[in-house]
Amino acid sequence: AERLTGDIASDTIAELQDRIEDVEDEQEPTEHRLASTREELEEASRGIIGMLRNWVAEVVSGFGWFALYLTVLVSWWNGRTVGKRMMGIRVVRLDGGAITWWVAFERVGGYAAGFATGLLGFAQVFWDANRQGIHDRIVGTVVIMDGAEKVADWESAL
């Protein structure tokens, strides 16, 4: 029985050594491909196109953090962010409903629409009757001052 155990162990060890050799043989080409890919990435990040690509990546990442901040705070803090709290304003739904995660996220998407319109979506607050930007109109929200009297007849308030 000991001889059989020794034969099985030696066969297993030999098989494992063969596998290790196979992996080592595959490692060199893989390392070469990795080095080649790194060189291509470095070359792609040079020049104007590389700078533009990096800038776009940073803007998209920044907008993602901005969207997360606005979505979480506006939905958790009843229509307020840190800045809105300091200014004494908040976002409310026109139908009186709560600002949910989805509504807050859609409103952030409206910011993208405001930029896509050449900032006209934001300038819209100057001529809109409810002082709504495109981001507010998309989801049916409006920014109000905390503690302000409720206007029953909004047309007379214009």
C-alpha atoms as a PDB file:
ATOM      1  CA  ALA A   1       0.000   0.000   0.000  1.00  0.00           C
ATOM      2  CA  GLU A   2       2.912   2.360   0.737  1.00  0.00           C
ATOM      3  CA  ARG A   3       4.396   1.608  -2.677  1.00  0.00           C
ATOM      4  CA  LEU A   4       1.069   2.401  -4.352  1.00  0.00           C
ATOM      5  CA  THR A   5       0.782   5.664  -2.410  1.00  0.00           C
ATOM      6  CA  GLY A   6       4.330   6.629  -3.429  1.00  0.00           C
ATOM      7  CA  ASP A   7       3.618   5.856  -7.110  1.00  0.00           C
ATOM      8  CA  ILE A   8       0.433   7.961  -7.039  1.00  0.00           C
ATOM      9  CA  ALA A   9       2.229  10.838  -5.290  1.00  0.00           C
ATOM     10  CA  SER A  10       5.135  10.775  -7.757  1.00  0.00           C
ATOM     11  CA  ASP A  11       2.708  10.737 -10.714  1.00  0.00           C
ATOM     12  CA  THR A  12       0.815  13.709  -9.202  1.00  0.00           C
ATOM     13  CA  ILE A  13       4.042  15.630  -8.566  1.00  0.00           C
ATOM     14  CA  ALA A  14       5.241  14.969 -12.106  1.00  0.00           C
ATOM     15  CA  GLU A  15       1.904  16.175 -13.507  1.00  0.00           C
ATOM     16  CA  LEU A  16       2.042  19.330 -11.403  1.00  0.00           C
ATOM     17  CA  GLN A  17       5.605  20.041 -12.566  1.00  0.00           C
ATOM     18  CA  ASP A  18       4.460  19.663 -16.183  1.00  0.00           C
ATOM     19  CA  ARG A  19       1.645  22.146 -15.555  1.00  0.00           C
ATOM     20  CA  ILE A  20       4.074  24.611 -13.949  1.00  0.00           C
ATOM     21  CA  GLU A  21       6.345  24.371 -17.004  1.00  0.00           C
ATOM     22  CA  ASP A  22       3.363  24.978 -19.307  1.00  0.00           C
ATOM     23  CA  VAL A  23       2.343  28.061 -17.323  1.00  0.00           C
ATOM     24  CA  GLU A  24       5.909  29.383 -17.368  1.00  0.00           C
ATOM     25  CA  ASP A  25       6.020  28.858 -21.150  1.00  0.00           C
ATOM     26  CA  GLU A  26       2.780  30.887 -21.498  1.00  0.00           C
ATOM     27  CA  GLN A  27       3.983  33.608 -19.120  1.00  0.00           C
ATOM     28  CA  GLU A  28       6.681  35.035 -21.405  1.00  0.00           C
ATOM     29  CA  PRO A  29       4.383  35.756 -24.401  1.00  0.00           C
ATOM     30  CA  THR A  30       1.774  37.196 -22.024  1.00  0.00           C
ATOM     31  CA  GLU A  31       4.322  39.532 -20.452  1.00  0.00           C
ATOM     32  CA  HIS A  32       5.441  40.577 -23.950  1.00  0.00           C
ATOM     33  CA  ARG A  33       1.825  41.378 -24.953  1.00  0.00           C
ATOM     34  CA  LEU A  34       1.363  43.331 -21.718  1.00  0.00           C
ATOM     35  CA  ALA A  35       4.479  45.422 -22.374  1.00  0.00           C
ATOM     36  CA  SER A  36       3.343  46.024 -25.952  1.00  0.00           C
ATOM     37  CA  THR A  37      -0.107  47.108 -24.797  1.00  0.00           C
ATOM     38  CA  ARG A  38       1.414  49.494 -22.257  1.00  0.00           C
ATOM     39  CA  GLU A  39       3.534  51.065 -24.990  1.00  0.00           C
ATOM     40  CA  GLU A  40       0.442  51.495 -27.180  1.00  0.00           C
ATOM     41  CA  LEU A  41      -1.433  53.147 -24.320  1.00  0.00           C
ATOM     42  CA  GLU A  42       1.426  55.546 -23.658  1.00  0.00           C
ATOM     43  CA  GLU A  43       1.627  56.394 -27.356  1.00  0.00           C
ATOM     44  CA  ALA A  44      -2.146  56.919 -27.559  1.00  0.00           C
ATOM     45  CA  SER A  45      -2.105  59.318 -24.605  1.00  0.00           C
ATOM     46  CA  ARG A  46       0.432  61.583 -26.300  1.00  0.00           C
ATOM     47  CA  GLY A  47      -0.529  64.396 -28.619  1.00  0.00           C
ATOM     48  CA  ILE A  48      -3.691  66.416 -29.007  1.00  0.00           C
ATOM     49  CA  ILE A  49      -5.987  63.434 -29.454  1.00  0.00           C
ATOM     50  CA  GLY A  50      -4.619  61.822 -26.299  1.00  0.00           C
ATOM     51  CA  MET A  51      -5.047  65.063 -24.376  1.00  0.00           C
ATOM     52  CA  LEU A  52      -8.599  65.397 -25.659  1.00  0.00           C
ATOM     53  CA  ARG A  53      -9.359  61.778 -24.750  1.00  0.00           C
ATOM     54  CA  ASN A  54      -8.006  62.337 -21.216  1.00  0.00           C
ATOM     55  CA  TRP A  55      -9.988  65.569 -20.851  1.00  0.00           C
ATOM     56  CA  VAL A  56     -13.227  63.860 -21.909  1.00  0.00           C
ATOM     57  CA  ALA A  57     -12.580  61.029 -19.454  1.00  0.00           C
ATOM     58  CA  GLU A  58     -12.072  63.537 -16.626  1.00  0.00           C
ATOM     59  CA  VAL A  59     -15.209  65.487 -17.521  1.00  0.00           C
ATOM     60  CA  VAL A  60     -17.312  62.320 -17.670  1.00  0.00           C
ATOM     61  CA  SER A  61     -15.897  61.151 -14.348  1.00  0.00           C
ATOM     62  CA  GLY A  62     -16.522  64.564 -12.797  1.00  0.00           C
ATOM     63  CA  PHE A  63     -20.104  64.601 -14.070  1.00  0.00           C
ATOM     64  CA  GLY A  64     -20.607  61.140 -12.590  1.00  0.00           C
ATOM     65  CA  TRP A  65     -19.524  62.320  -9.120  1.00  0.00           C
ATOM     66  CA  PHE A  66     -21.639  65.466  -9.555  1.00  0.00           C
ATOM     67  CA  ALA A  67     -24.652  63.320 -10.494  1.00  0.00           C
ATOM     68  CA  LEU A  68     -24.118  61.044  -7.512  1.00  0.00           C
ATOM     69  CA  TYR A  69     -23.810  64.011  -5.131  1.00  0.00           C
ATOM     70  CA  LEU A  70     -26.969  65.710  -6.407  1.00  0.00           C
ATOM     71  CA  THR A  71     -28.998  62.515  -6.609  1.00  0.00           C
ATOM     72  CA  VAL A  72     -28.169  61.374  -3.087  1.00  0.00           C
ATOM     73  CA  LEU A  73     -28.428  64.712  -1.317  1.00  0.00           C
ATOM     74  CA  VAL A  74     -31.550  66.002  -3.066  1.00  0.00           C
ATOM     75  CA  SER A  75     -33.372  62.727  -2.427  1.00  0.00           C
ATOM     76  CA  TRP A  76     -32.167  62.277   1.193  1.00  0.00           C
ATOM     77  CA  TRP A  77     -32.401  65.909   2.336  1.00  0.00           C
ATOM     78  CA  ASN A  78     -35.884  66.695   1.048  1.00  0.00           C
ATOM     79  CA  GLY A  79     -34.821  68.644  -2.047  1.00  0.00           C
ATOM     80  CA  ARG A  80     -31.706  70.253  -0.608  1.00  0.00           C
ATOM     81  CA  THR A  81     -27.956  70.064  -1.092  1.00  0.00           C
ATOM     82  CA  VAL A  82     -25.310  71.722   1.035  1.00  0.00           C
ATOM     83  CA  GLY A  83     -25.443  74.862  -1.120  1.00  0.00           C
ATOM     84  CA  LYS A  84     -29.232  74.929  -1.222  1.00  0.00           C
ATOM     85  CA  ARG A  85     -29.328  74.702   2.587  1.00  0.00           C
ATOM     86  CA  MET A  86     -26.934  77.645   2.863  1.00  0.00           C
ATOM     87  CA  MET A  87     -29.014  79.679   0.403  1.00  0.00           C
ATOM     88  CA  GLY A  88     -32.336  78.763   2.061  1.00  0.00           C
ATOM     89  CA  ILE A  89     -33.803  77.139  -1.051  1.00  0.00           C
ATOM     90  CA  ARG A  90     -34.937  73.665  -2.005  1.00  0.00           C
ATOM     91  CA  VAL A  91     -36.364  71.663  -4.868  1.00  0.00           C
ATOM     92  CA  VAL A  92     -39.998  70.538  -4.740  1.00  0.00           C
ATOM     93  CA  ARG A  93     -42.189  68.585  -7.116  1.00  0.00           C
ATOM     94  CA  LEU A  94     -45.005  70.526  -8.757  1.00  0.00           C
ATOM     95  CA  ASP A  95     -47.432  67.708  -7.958  1.00  0.00           C
ATOM     96  CA  GLY A  96     -46.474  67.802  -4.274  1.00  0.00           C
ATOM     97  CA  GLY A  97     -44.842  64.361  -4.361  1.00  0.00           C
ATOM     98  CA  ALA A  98     -41.550  63.465  -2.725  1.00  0.00           C
ATOM     99  CA  ILE A  99     -38.220  63.900  -4.440  1.00  0.00           C
ATOM    100  CA  THR A 100     -37.286  60.247  -4.978  1.00  0.00           C
ATOM    101  CA  TRP A 101     -33.950  58.853  -6.084  1.00  0.00           C
ATOM    102  CA  TRP A 102     -35.254  58.510  -9.627  1.00  0.00           C
ATOM    103  CA  VAL A 103     -36.650  62.051  -9.792  1.00  0.00           C
ATOM    104  CA  ALA A 104     -33.375  63.446  -8.454  1.00  0.00           C
ATOM    105  CA  PHE A 105     -31.411  61.372 -10.988  1.00  0.00           C
ATOM    106  CA  GLU A 106     -33.645  62.494 -13.871  1.00  0.00           C
ATOM    107  CA  ARG A 107     -33.180  66.097 -12.769  1.00  0.00           C
ATOM    108  CA  VAL A 108     -29.399  65.634 -12.973  1.00  0.00           C
ATOM    109  CA  GLY A 109     -29.892  64.269 -16.484  1.00  0.00           C
ATOM    110  CA  GLY A 110     -31.622  67.549 -17.226  1.00  0.00           C
ATOM    111  CA  TYR A 111     -28.371  69.322 -16.378  1.00  0.00           C
ATOM    112  CA  ALA A 112     -26.778  67.443 -19.266  1.00  0.00           C
ATOM    113  CA  ALA A 113     -29.609  68.704 -21.479  1.00  0.00           C
ATOM    114  CA  GLY A 114     -28.939  72.240 -20.224  1.00  0.00           C
ATOM    115  CA  PHE A 115     -25.312  71.974 -21.311  1.00  0.00           C
ATOM    116  CA  ALA A 116     -26.280  70.326 -24.601  1.00  0.00           C
ATOM    117  CA  THR A 117     -28.452  73.333 -25.471  1.00  0.00           C
ATOM    118  CA  GLY A 118     -25.475  75.653 -25.139  1.00  0.00           C
ATOM    119  CA  LEU A 119     -26.526  76.685 -21.620  1.00  0.00           C
ATOM    120  CA  LEU A 120     -29.887  77.946 -22.902  1.00  0.00           C
ATOM    121  CA  GLY A 121     -31.545  75.297 -20.772  1.00  0.00           C
ATOM    122  CA  PHE A 122     -30.213  77.117 -17.703  1.00  0.00           C
ATOM    123  CA  ALA A 123     -30.887  80.618 -19.066  1.00  0.00           C
ATOM    124  CA  GLN A 124     -34.517  79.578 -19.473  1.00  0.00           C
ATOM    125  CA  VAL A 125     -35.100  80.511 -15.807  1.00  0.00           C
ATOM    126  CA  PHE A 126     -35.069  84.183 -16.860  1.00  0.00           C
ATOM    127  CA  TRP A 127     -38.139  83.951 -19.121  1.00  0.00           C
ATOM    128  CA  ASP A 128     -40.030  80.921 -17.776  1.00  0.00           C
ATOM    129  CA  ALA A 129     -43.164  81.759 -15.750  1.00  0.00           C
ATOM    130  CA  ASN A 130     -42.184  79.358 -12.939  1.00  0.00           C
ATOM    131  CA  ARG A 131     -38.474  80.175 -13.198  1.00  0.00           C
ATOM    132  CA  GLN A 132     -37.774  76.601 -14.241  1.00  0.00           C
ATOM    133  CA  GLY A 133     -34.664  75.518 -16.093  1.00  0.00           C
ATOM    134  CA  ILE A 134     -34.791  72.634 -18.523  1.00  0.00           C
ATOM    135  CA  HIS A 135     -33.723  70.263 -15.747  1.00  0.00           C
ATOM    136  CA  ASP A 136     -36.776  71.303 -13.705  1.00  0.00           C
ATOM    137  CA  ARG A 137     -39.210  71.159 -16.606  1.00  0.00           C
ATOM    138  CA  ILE A 138     -38.097  67.633 -17.536  1.00  0.00           C
ATOM    139  CA  VAL A 139     -39.135  66.176 -14.161  1.00  0.00           C
ATOM    140  CA  GLY A 140     -41.741  68.693 -13.025  1.00  0.00           C
ATOM    141  CA  THR A 141     -39.833  70.367 -10.209  1.00  0.00           C
ATOM    142  CA  VAL A 142     -39.258  73.937  -9.139  1.00  0.00           C
ATOM    143  CA  VAL A 143     -36.828  75.625  -6.753  1.00  0.00           C
ATOM    144  CA  ILE A 144     -38.482  77.548  -3.913  1.00  0.00           C
ATOM    145  CA  MET A 145     -37.307  79.643  -0.991  1.00  0.00           C
ATOM    146  CA  ASP A 146     -37.793  77.955   2.378  1.00  0.00           C
ATOM    147  CA  GLY A 147     -40.397  79.729   4.463  1.00  0.00           C
ATOM    148  CA  ALA A 148     -41.828  81.755   1.570  1.00  0.00           C
ATOM    149  CA  GLU A 149     -45.580  82.187   1.455  1.00  0.00           C
ATOM    150  CA  LYS A 150     -47.387  79.776  -0.819  1.00  0.00           C
ATOM    151  CA  VAL A 151     -48.862  81.496  -3.869  1.00  0.00           C
ATOM    152  CA  ALA A 152     -52.353  80.213  -4.626  1.00  0.00           C
ATOM    153  CA  ASP A 153     -52.734  82.097  -7.888  1.00  0.00           C
ATOM    154  CA  TRP A 154     -49.359  81.886  -9.622  1.00  0.00           C
ATOM    155  CA  GLU A 155     -50.475  84.016 -12.579  1.00  0.00           C
ATOM    156  CA  SER A 156     -50.986  87.008 -10.295  1.00  0.00           C
ATOM    157  CA  ALA A 157     -47.501  86.505  -8.877  1.00  0.00           C
ATOM    158  CA  LEU A 158     -45.906  87.215 -12.262  1.00  0.00           C
END
